[in-house]
Amino acid sequence: MMSIIGFIVLAGGIGHVITGLVIFRPQLAAISNDGFINAVLPHFDRRAALWFILFGVMVAMTGHLLVHAARVDDPTAVRIAGWYLLGVSSVGTLTQTRSPSSLLVVLSLVLLGLSYFG
Protein backbone atom coordinates (compact mmCIF):
# COMPACT_ATOMS: atom_id res chain seq x y z
CA MET A 1 0.00 0.00 0.00
CA MET A 2 2.80 2.45 0.87
CA SER A 3 4.54 1.92 -2.48
CA ILE A 4 1.23 2.47 -4.31
CA ILE A 5 0.81 5.78 -2.50
CA GLY A 6 4.44 6.59 -3.29
CA PHE A 7 3.79 6.01 -7.00
CA ILE A 8 0.66 8.19 -6.81
CA VAL A 9 2.64 11.00 -5.18
CA LEU A 10 5.46 10.56 -7.73
CA ALA A 11 2.96 10.73 -10.61
CA GLY A 12 1.33 13.79 -9.05
CA GLY A 13 4.69 15.54 -8.88
CA ILE A 14 5.47 14.71 -12.49
CA GLY A 15 2.00 15.94 -13.46
CA HIS A 16 2.64 19.17 -11.57
CA VAL A 17 5.87 19.73 -13.52
CA ILE A 18 4.19 18.99 -16.86
CA THR A 19 1.30 21.30 -15.98
CA GLY A 20 3.78 24.04 -15.11
CA LEU A 21 5.64 23.58 -18.38
CA VAL A 22 2.36 23.99 -20.28
CA ILE A 23 0.74 26.78 -18.25
CA PHE A 24 3.88 28.86 -17.81
CA ARG A 25 5.24 28.43 -21.33
CA PRO A 26 5.43 32.20 -22.03
CA GLN A 27 7.24 32.86 -18.74
CA LEU A 28 9.68 30.01 -19.34
CA ALA A 29 10.35 31.31 -22.85
CA ALA A 30 11.04 34.77 -21.41
CA ILE A 31 13.49 33.28 -18.89
CA SER A 32 15.27 31.49 -21.72
CA ASN A 33 15.27 34.57 -23.97
CA ASP A 34 16.80 36.64 -21.17
CA GLY A 35 19.71 34.21 -20.86
CA PHE A 36 18.45 32.23 -17.84
CA ILE A 37 20.98 33.69 -15.37
CA ASN A 38 19.25 36.24 -13.11
CA ALA A 39 16.21 36.25 -15.41
CA VAL A 40 13.64 35.42 -12.73
CA LEU A 41 13.93 37.59 -9.62
CA PRO A 42 12.61 40.92 -10.92
CA HIS A 43 9.52 39.29 -12.49
CA PHE A 44 6.73 37.95 -10.28
CA ASP A 45 5.17 35.82 -13.04
CA ARG A 46 8.50 34.13 -13.72
CA ARG A 47 9.01 33.46 -10.00
CA ALA A 48 5.56 31.87 -9.87
CA ALA A 49 6.45 29.66 -12.84
CA LEU A 50 9.76 28.59 -11.32
CA TRP A 51 8.31 27.76 -7.91
CA PHE A 52 5.32 25.95 -9.38
CA ILE A 53 7.64 23.67 -11.33
CA LEU A 54 10.12 23.25 -8.45
CA PHE A 55 7.27 22.29 -6.13
CA GLY A 56 6.35 19.54 -8.58
CA VAL A 57 9.94 18.30 -8.53
CA MET A 58 9.89 18.16 -4.72
CA VAL A 59 6.59 16.26 -4.70
CA ALA A 60 7.98 13.80 -7.25
CA MET A 61 11.10 13.36 -5.12
CA THR A 62 8.94 12.67 -2.07
CA GLY A 63 7.02 10.04 -4.01
CA HIS A 64 10.25 8.41 -5.12
CA LEU A 65 11.52 8.33 -1.54
CA LEU A 66 8.22 6.83 -0.38
CA VAL A 67 8.52 4.04 -2.95
CA HIS A 68 12.04 3.32 -1.74
CA ALA A 69 11.03 3.47 1.94
CA ALA A 70 8.23 1.00 1.29
CA ARG A 71 10.60 -1.39 -0.49
CA VAL A 72 13.14 -1.37 2.35
CA ASP A 73 10.42 -1.31 5.04
CA ASP A 74 11.44 1.99 6.62
CA PRO A 75 8.40 3.32 8.51
CA THR A 76 10.39 6.22 9.95
CA ALA A 77 11.07 7.63 6.47
CA VAL A 78 7.40 7.16 5.57
CA ARG A 79 6.39 8.93 8.78
CA ILE A 80 8.68 11.90 8.06
CA ALA A 81 7.39 12.23 4.50
CA GLY A 82 3.81 11.83 5.74
CA TRP A 83 4.11 14.70 8.23
CA TYR A 84 5.70 17.02 5.66
CA LEU A 85 3.08 16.14 3.05
CA LEU A 86 0.31 16.70 5.59
CA GLY A 87 1.65 20.14 6.47
CA VAL A 88 2.17 21.32 2.91
CA SER A 89 -1.05 19.86 1.57
CA SER A 90 -3.10 21.27 4.48
CA VAL A 91 -1.83 24.78 3.76
CA GLY A 92 -2.43 24.26 0.03
CA THR A 93 -5.96 23.00 0.64
CA LEU A 94 -6.88 25.82 3.03
CA THR A 95 -5.49 28.58 0.84
CA GLN A 96 -6.66 27.15 -2.49
CA THR A 97 -9.84 25.22 -1.82
CA ARG A 98 -10.25 24.11 -5.45
CA SER A 99 -6.73 22.66 -5.56
CA PRO A 100 -5.99 18.92 -5.76
CA SER A 101 -4.02 19.36 -2.52
CA SER A 102 -6.88 17.74 -0.63
CA LEU A 103 -5.92 14.41 -2.22
CA LEU A 104 -2.47 14.77 -0.65
CA VAL A 105 -4.08 15.40 2.75
CA VAL A 106 -5.86 12.06 2.50
CA LEU A 107 -2.75 10.25 1.21
CA SER A 108 -0.56 11.72 3.94
CA LEU A 109 -3.02 10.61 6.63
CA VAL A 110 -3.01 7.08 5.20
CA LEU A 111 0.80 7.12 5.14
CA LEU A 112 0.94 8.26 8.74
CA GLY A 113 -1.51 5.58 9.79
CA LEU A 114 0.48 2.89 7.99
CA SER A 115 3.78 4.11 9.41
CA TYR A 116 2.53 4.21 13.00
CA PHE A 117 0.21 1.19 13.03
CA GLY A 118 1.59 -1.02 10.26
C-alpha atoms as a PDB file:
ATOM      1  CA  MET A   1       0.000   0.000   0.000  1.00  0.00           C
ATOM      2  CA  MET A   2       2.805   2.447   0.866  1.00  0.00           C
ATOM      3  CA  SER A   3       4.539   1.919  -2.475  1.00  0.00           C
ATOM      4  CA  ILE A   4       1.231   2.475  -4.311  1.00  0.00           C
ATOM      5  CA  ILE A   5       0.809   5.783  -2.498  1.00  0.00           C
ATOM      6  CA  GLY A   6       4.439   6.587  -3.295  1.00  0.00           C
ATOM      7  CA  PHE A   7       3.793   6.007  -6.998  1.00  0.00           C
ATOM      8  CA  ILE A   8       0.657   8.188  -6.811  1.00  0.00           C
ATOM      9  CA  VAL A   9       2.643  10.998  -5.179  1.00  0.00           C
ATOM     10  CA  LEU A  10       5.458  10.558  -7.729  1.00  0.00           C
ATOM     11  CA  ALA A  11       2.965  10.728 -10.606  1.00  0.00           C
ATOM     12  CA  GLY A  12       1.334  13.791  -9.050  1.00  0.00           C
ATOM     13  CA  GLY A  13       4.690  15.545  -8.879  1.00  0.00           C
ATOM     14  CA  ILE A  14       5.469  14.711 -12.493  1.00  0.00           C
ATOM     15  CA  GLY A  15       1.997  15.941 -13.458  1.00  0.00           C
ATOM     16  CA  HIS A  16       2.642  19.172 -11.570  1.00  0.00           C
ATOM     17  CA  VAL A  17       5.870  19.732 -13.516  1.00  0.00           C
ATOM     18  CA  ILE A  18       4.193  18.990 -16.857  1.00  0.00           C
ATOM     19  CA  THR A  19       1.298  21.304 -15.982  1.00  0.00           C
ATOM     20  CA  GLY A  20       3.781  24.036 -15.106  1.00  0.00           C
ATOM     21  CA  LEU A  21       5.638  23.583 -18.383  1.00  0.00           C
ATOM     22  CA  VAL A  22       2.361  23.990 -20.278  1.00  0.00           C
ATOM     23  CA  ILE A  23       0.737  26.783 -18.251  1.00  0.00           C
ATOM     24  CA  PHE A  24       3.879  28.862 -17.808  1.00  0.00           C
ATOM     25  CA  ARG A  25       5.240  28.429 -21.330  1.00  0.00           C
ATOM     26  CA  PRO A  26       5.425  32.198 -22.028  1.00  0.00           C
ATOM     27  CA  GLN A  27       7.239  32.856 -18.739  1.00  0.00           C
ATOM     28  CA  LEU A  28       9.684  30.006 -19.341  1.00  0.00           C
ATOM     29  CA  ALA A  29      10.352  31.314 -22.852  1.00  0.00           C
ATOM     30  CA  ALA A  30      11.040  34.773 -21.411  1.00  0.00           C
ATOM     31  CA  ILE A  31      13.488  33.279 -18.890  1.00  0.00           C
ATOM     32  CA  SER A  32      15.270  31.492 -21.723  1.00  0.00           C
ATOM     33  CA  ASN A  33      15.270  34.570 -23.972  1.00  0.00           C
ATOM     34  CA  ASP A  34      16.803  36.644 -21.174  1.00  0.00           C
ATOM     35  CA  GLY A  35      19.709  34.207 -20.864  1.00  0.00           C
ATOM     36  CA  PHE A  36      18.445  32.227 -17.838  1.00  0.00           C
ATOM     37  CA  ILE A  37      20.980  33.694 -15.366  1.00  0.00           C
ATOM     38  CA  ASN A  38      19.253  36.241 -13.110  1.00  0.00           C
ATOM     39  CA  ALA A  39      16.208  36.246 -15.406  1.00  0.00           C
ATOM     40  CA  VAL A  40      13.641  35.419 -12.731  1.00  0.00           C
ATOM     41  CA  LEU A  41      13.925  37.595  -9.622  1.00  0.00           C
ATOM     42  CA  PRO A  42      12.611  40.916 -10.920  1.00  0.00           C
ATOM     43  CA  HIS A  43       9.516  39.291 -12.494  1.00  0.00           C
ATOM     44  CA  PHE A  44       6.730  37.946 -10.276  1.00  0.00           C
ATOM     45  CA  ASP A  45       5.171  35.820 -13.038  1.00  0.00           C
ATOM     46  CA  ARG A  46       8.502  34.132 -13.722  1.00  0.00           C
ATOM     47  CA  ARG A  47       9.011  33.456 -10.005  1.00  0.00           C
ATOM     48  CA  ALA A  48       5.561  31.865  -9.871  1.00  0.00           C
ATOM     49  CA  ALA A  49       6.453  29.657 -12.836  1.00  0.00           C
ATOM     50  CA  LEU A  50       9.755  28.595 -11.319  1.00  0.00           C
ATOM     51  CA  TRP A  51       8.313  27.759  -7.905  1.00  0.00           C
ATOM     52  CA  PHE A  52       5.319  25.953  -9.378  1.00  0.00           C
ATOM     53  CA  ILE A  53       7.643  23.666 -11.327  1.00  0.00           C
ATOM     54  CA  LEU A  54      10.124  23.252  -8.454  1.00  0.00           C
ATOM     55  CA  PHE A  55       7.271  22.293  -6.134  1.00  0.00           C
ATOM     56  CA  GLY A  56       6.350  19.540  -8.584  1.00  0.00           C
ATOM     57  CA  VAL A  57       9.939  18.303  -8.534  1.00  0.00           C
ATOM     58  CA  MET A  58       9.888  18.163  -4.721  1.00  0.00           C
ATOM     59  CA  VAL A  59       6.588  16.264  -4.699  1.00  0.00           C
ATOM     60  CA  ALA A  60       7.982  13.796  -7.253  1.00  0.00           C
ATOM     61  CA  MET A  61      11.097  13.356  -5.117  1.00  0.00           C
ATOM     62  CA  THR A  62       8.938  12.674  -2.068  1.00  0.00           C
ATOM     63  CA  GLY A  63       7.017  10.037  -4.009  1.00  0.00           C
ATOM     64  CA  HIS A  64      10.251   8.405  -5.122  1.00  0.00           C
ATOM     65  CA  LEU A  65      11.521   8.333  -1.535  1.00  0.00           C
ATOM     66  CA  LEU A  66       8.221   6.828  -0.380  1.00  0.00           C
ATOM     67  CA  VAL A  67       8.519   4.043  -2.951  1.00  0.00           C
ATOM     68  CA  HIS A  68      12.040   3.322  -1.740  1.00  0.00           C
ATOM     69  CA  ALA A  69      11.035   3.468   1.939  1.00  0.00           C
ATOM     70  CA  ALA A  70       8.228   0.999   1.286  1.00  0.00           C
ATOM     71  CA  ARG A  71      10.597  -1.386  -0.486  1.00  0.00           C
ATOM     72  CA  VAL A  72      13.139  -1.375   2.346  1.00  0.00           C
ATOM     73  CA  ASP A  73      10.416  -1.315   5.037  1.00  0.00           C
ATOM     74  CA  ASP A  74      11.436   1.991   6.622  1.00  0.00           C
ATOM     75  CA  PRO A  75       8.399   3.316   8.511  1.00  0.00           C
ATOM     76  CA  THR A  76      10.391   6.216   9.949  1.00  0.00           C
ATOM     77  CA  ALA A  77      11.069   7.632   6.475  1.00  0.00           C
ATOM     78  CA  VAL A  78       7.398   7.161   5.568  1.00  0.00           C
ATOM     79  CA  ARG A  79       6.390   8.934   8.783  1.00  0.00           C
ATOM     80  CA  ILE A  80       8.684  11.896   8.055  1.00  0.00           C
ATOM     81  CA  ALA A  81       7.387  12.231   4.504  1.00  0.00           C
ATOM     82  CA  GLY A  82       3.812  11.834   5.742  1.00  0.00           C
ATOM     83  CA  TRP A  83       4.115  14.699   8.226  1.00  0.00           C
ATOM     84  CA  TYR A  84       5.703  17.016   5.657  1.00  0.00           C
ATOM     85  CA  LEU A  85       3.076  16.140   3.051  1.00  0.00           C
ATOM     86  CA  LEU A  86       0.312  16.699   5.588  1.00  0.00           C
ATOM     87  CA  GLY A  87       1.650  20.142   6.468  1.00  0.00           C
ATOM     88  CA  VAL A  88       2.172  21.321   2.914  1.00  0.00           C
ATOM     89  CA  SER A  89      -1.054  19.858   1.573  1.00  0.00           C
ATOM     90  CA  SER A  90      -3.096  21.268   4.476  1.00  0.00           C
ATOM     91  CA  VAL A  91      -1.829  24.777   3.762  1.00  0.00           C
ATOM     92  CA  GLY A  92      -2.433  24.255   0.032  1.00  0.00           C
ATOM     93  CA  THR A  93      -5.959  23.005   0.643  1.00  0.00           C
ATOM     94  CA  LEU A  94      -6.876  25.818   3.029  1.00  0.00           C
ATOM     95  CA  THR A  95      -5.489  28.585   0.837  1.00  0.00           C
ATOM     96  CA  GLN A  96      -6.660  27.146  -2.491  1.00  0.00           C
ATOM     97  CA  THR A  97      -9.839  25.216  -1.821  1.00  0.00           C
ATOM     98  CA  ARG A  98     -10.248  24.109  -5.452  1.00  0.00           C
ATOM     99  CA  SER A  99      -6.734  22.665  -5.558  1.00  0.00           C
ATOM    100  CA  PRO A 100      -5.986  18.925  -5.765  1.00  0.00           C
ATOM    101  CA  SER A 101      -4.016  19.363  -2.520  1.00  0.00           C
ATOM    102  CA  SER A 102      -6.878  17.739  -0.627  1.00  0.00           C
ATOM    103  CA  LEU A 103      -5.923  14.410  -2.216  1.00  0.00           C
ATOM    104  CA  LEU A 104      -2.469  14.772  -0.646  1.00  0.00           C
ATOM    105  CA  VAL A 105      -4.084  15.404   2.754  1.00  0.00           C
ATOM    106  CA  VAL A 106      -5.857  12.058   2.501  1.00  0.00           C
ATOM    107  CA  LEU A 107      -2.754  10.249   1.213  1.00  0.00           C
ATOM    108  CA  SER A 108      -0.560  11.721   3.944  1.00  0.00           C
ATOM    109  CA  LEU A 109      -3.023  10.609   6.630  1.00  0.00           C
ATOM    110  CA  VAL A 110      -3.014   7.082   5.198  1.00  0.00           C
ATOM    111  CA  LEU A 111       0.796   7.119   5.136  1.00  0.00           C
ATOM    112  CA  LEU A 112       0.944   8.262   8.737  1.00  0.00           C
ATOM    113  CA  GLY A 113      -1.514   5.578   9.791  1.00  0.00           C
ATOM    114  CA  LEU A 114       0.479   2.888   7.994  1.00  0.00           C
ATOM    115  CA  SER A 115       3.782   4.115   9.405  1.00  0.00           C
ATOM    116  CA  TYR A 116       2.534   4.210  12.999  1.00  0.00           C
ATOM    117  CA  PHE A 117       0.214   1.191  13.028  1.00  0.00           C
ATOM    118  CA  GLY A 118       1.591  -1.016  10.262  1.00  0.00           C
END
